[in-house]
């Protein structure tokens, strides 16, 4: 079994074998959740320049809730609406692989650098989307990367609308 740090690095480098490994490793759920929590805390700390101390809390909670919504939307879309004939997956496999696809989100801590917050968050979002495409392709046994991308994109758009709506309702910047 790979170390936690090694898995985070391999996930960030889009190592297909890592995603297959964590898909099959039912004991990796704690590590996957750990990646999401660390990535969410990094988002919170990186948000401090936007919302101050409250930004840490809101950024962390927003990132956690966003991941959870995105993971389940992607699972539902990928297994119910756009499966391939070979698609066999359960929510645990998806949560483990998608959890590790949050690894690039650790760079969001660099958002604390004045003037770089938006750039860092944009780059990490794109990187996380690419990692998630790899994770979803592996977890859902897709042959098509395009199909995995479409599933992730649909889930991401819906998730972003939900997160935007929540922030709009609570009037957070």
Protein backbone atom coordinates (compact mmCIF):
# COMPACT_ATOMS: atom_id res chain seq x y z
CA UNK A 1 0.00 0.00 0.00
CA UNK A 2 1.27 3.45 -0.90
CA UNK A 3 1.83 6.14 1.67
CA UNK A 4 -0.72 8.93 1.99
CA UNK A 5 1.76 11.55 0.76
CA UNK A 6 2.74 9.37 -2.21
CA UNK A 7 -0.90 8.90 -3.15
CA UNK A 8 -1.57 12.64 -2.99
CA UNK A 9 1.39 13.35 -5.29
CA UNK A 10 0.46 10.58 -7.73
CA UNK A 11 -3.15 11.79 -7.82
CA UNK A 12 -2.04 15.35 -8.54
CA UNK A 13 0.21 14.06 -11.35
CA UNK A 14 -2.85 12.29 -12.82
CA UNK A 15 -1.43 8.79 -12.36
CA UNK A 16 -4.11 6.47 -13.80
CA UNK A 17 -2.74 3.56 -11.75
CA UNK A 18 -3.27 5.53 -8.54
CA UNK A 19 -6.95 6.02 -9.36
CA UNK A 20 -7.34 2.29 -10.09
CA UNK A 21 -5.54 1.53 -6.82
CA UNK A 22 -7.81 3.68 -4.63
CA UNK A 23 -10.90 2.54 -6.51
CA UNK A 24 -10.12 -1.03 -5.43
CA UNK A 25 -8.85 -0.19 -1.93
CA UNK A 26 -11.88 0.02 0.36
CA UNK A 27 -9.52 1.01 3.17
CA UNK A 28 -8.57 4.20 1.30
CA UNK A 29 -11.80 6.04 2.15
CA UNK A 30 -10.19 7.71 5.18
CA UNK A 31 -7.30 8.90 3.04
CA UNK A 32 -9.67 10.16 0.33
CA UNK A 33 -11.66 12.13 2.90
CA UNK A 34 -8.35 13.39 4.33
CA UNK A 35 -7.37 14.76 0.91
CA UNK A 36 -10.72 16.53 0.62
CA UNK A 37 -10.44 17.99 4.12
CA UNK A 38 -6.86 19.18 3.55
CA UNK A 39 -7.80 20.64 0.17
CA UNK A 40 -10.81 22.37 1.74
CA UNK A 41 -8.71 23.82 4.55
CA UNK A 42 -6.23 25.04 1.92
CA UNK A 43 -9.16 26.74 0.15
CA UNK A 44 -10.24 28.31 3.42
CA UNK A 45 -6.78 29.64 4.22
CA UNK A 46 -6.35 30.83 0.64
CA UNK A 47 -9.67 32.69 0.94
CA UNK A 48 -8.56 34.76 3.91
CA UNK A 49 -7.72 37.70 1.63
CA UNK A 50 -11.27 37.73 0.27
CA UNK A 51 -13.26 37.26 3.44
CA UNK A 52 -10.85 37.64 6.35
CA UNK A 53 -11.07 35.12 9.17
CA UNK A 54 -14.66 34.37 8.19
CA UNK A 55 -13.25 33.51 4.73
CA UNK A 56 -11.35 30.59 6.24
CA UNK A 57 -14.51 29.09 7.69
CA UNK A 58 -16.71 29.82 4.69
CA UNK A 59 -14.01 28.78 2.21
CA UNK A 60 -13.42 25.49 4.03
CA UNK A 61 -17.09 24.65 4.44
CA UNK A 62 -17.87 25.76 0.87
CA UNK A 63 -15.12 23.56 -0.54
CA UNK A 64 -16.27 20.53 1.50
CA UNK A 65 -19.92 20.95 0.57
CA UNK A 66 -19.00 21.61 -3.06
CA UNK A 67 -16.93 18.43 -3.24
CA UNK A 68 -19.67 16.34 -1.68
CA UNK A 69 -22.32 17.70 -4.06
CA UNK A 70 -20.01 17.31 -7.07
CA UNK A 71 -19.07 13.75 -6.13
CA UNK A 72 -22.66 12.55 -5.80
CA UNK A 73 -23.88 14.43 -8.87
CA UNK A 74 -21.05 12.90 -10.89
CA UNK A 75 -21.80 9.42 -9.57
CA UNK A 76 -25.50 9.80 -10.38
CA UNK A 77 -24.93 11.30 -13.84
CA UNK A 78 -22.19 8.81 -14.71
CA UNK A 79 -24.03 5.68 -13.59
CA UNK A 80 -27.66 6.56 -14.38
CA UNK A 81 -27.64 8.95 -17.35
CA UNK A 82 -24.38 8.40 -19.22
CA UNK A 83 -23.06 4.93 -18.41
CA UNK A 84 -21.11 2.84 -20.90
CA UNK A 85 -21.90 -0.88 -21.18
CA UNK A 86 -18.86 -1.67 -18.97
CA UNK A 87 -19.79 0.83 -16.25
CA UNK A 88 -19.83 -0.87 -12.86
CA UNK A 89 -19.32 1.32 -9.83
CA UNK A 90 -20.60 2.03 -6.38
CA UNK A 91 -20.60 5.26 -4.40
CA UNK A 92 -17.56 4.16 -2.36
CA UNK A 93 -15.42 3.70 -5.45
CA UNK A 94 -16.49 7.10 -6.76
CA UNK A 95 -15.94 8.87 -3.44
CA UNK A 96 -12.45 7.38 -3.08
CA UNK A 97 -11.31 8.28 -6.59
CA UNK A 98 -12.98 11.69 -6.59
CA UNK A 99 -11.57 12.37 -3.12
CA UNK A 100 -8.05 11.90 -4.42
CA UNK A 101 -8.82 14.09 -7.43
CA UNK A 102 -8.98 16.96 -4.92
CA UNK A 103 -5.20 16.70 -4.48
CA UNK A 104 -4.43 19.65 -6.81
CA UNK A 105 -6.65 21.75 -4.55
CA UNK A 106 -3.88 21.81 -1.97
CA UNK A 107 -2.26 24.62 -3.97
CA UNK A 108 -5.20 26.85 -3.01
CA UNK A 109 -3.32 27.65 0.18
CA UNK A 110 -1.16 29.86 -2.06
CA UNK A 111 -4.24 32.04 -2.52
CA UNK A 112 -3.12 33.74 0.69
CA UNK A 113 -0.51 35.61 -1.43
CA UNK A 114 -2.01 39.04 -2.16
CA UNK A 115 -3.04 39.47 -5.78
CA UNK A 116 -2.83 35.76 -6.62
CA UNK A 117 -5.97 34.42 -4.98
CA UNK A 118 -8.19 34.37 -8.06
CA UNK A 119 -5.43 33.04 -10.35
CA UNK A 120 -4.52 30.26 -7.91
CA UNK A 121 -8.15 29.29 -7.44
CA UNK A 122 -8.76 29.26 -11.19
CA UNK A 123 -5.67 27.12 -11.87
CA UNK A 124 -6.49 24.70 -9.06
CA UNK A 125 -10.09 24.39 -10.25
CA UNK A 126 -8.96 23.51 -13.78
CA UNK A 127 -6.36 21.04 -12.46
CA UNK A 128 -8.92 19.45 -10.14
CA UNK A 129 -11.38 19.14 -13.03
CA UNK A 130 -8.75 17.35 -15.13
CA UNK A 131 -7.90 15.06 -12.19
CA UNK A 132 -11.56 14.35 -11.67
CA UNK A 133 -11.98 13.39 -15.34
CA UNK A 134 -9.21 10.82 -14.87
CA UNK A 135 -10.76 9.61 -11.61
CA UNK A 136 -14.24 9.28 -13.11
CA UNK A 137 -12.96 7.54 -16.24
CA UNK A 138 -11.26 4.95 -14.04
CA UNK A 139 -14.04 4.57 -11.46
CA UNK A 140 -16.78 4.19 -14.07
CA UNK A 141 -14.66 2.02 -16.37
CA UNK A 142 -15.19 4.40 -19.26
CA UNK A 143 -13.28 3.91 -22.48
CA UNK A 144 -14.05 7.49 -23.46
CA UNK A 145 -12.27 10.39 -21.79
CA UNK A 146 -14.73 12.72 -23.51
CA UNK A 147 -17.64 10.99 -21.77
CA UNK A 148 -15.88 11.29 -18.41
CA UNK A 149 -15.25 14.99 -19.13
CA UNK A 150 -18.91 15.60 -20.00
CA UNK A 151 -20.07 13.83 -16.82
CA UNK A 152 -17.66 15.88 -14.69
CA UNK A 153 -18.52 19.13 -16.44
CA UNK A 154 -22.26 18.67 -16.02
CA UNK A 155 -21.78 17.82 -12.33
CA UNK A 156 -19.39 20.75 -11.85
CA UNK A 157 -21.77 23.26 -13.45
CA UNK A 158 -24.69 22.10 -11.31
CA UNK A 159 -22.48 22.11 -8.21
CA UNK A 160 -21.21 25.63 -8.97
CA UNK A 161 -24.78 26.88 -9.42
CA UNK A 162 -25.75 25.38 -6.06
CA UNK A 163 -22.69 26.87 -4.31
CA UNK A 164 -23.28 30.25 -6.00
CA UNK A 165 -26.93 30.16 -4.90
CA UNK A 166 -25.93 29.42 -1.30
CA UNK A 167 -23.37 32.26 -1.30
CA UNK A 168 -25.95 34.57 -2.91
CA UNK A 169 -28.53 33.74 -0.28
CA UNK A 170 -26.06 34.40 2.54
CA UNK A 171 -24.57 37.42 0.72
CA UNK A 172 -20.93 36.30 1.03
CA UNK A 173 -18.62 38.02 -1.48
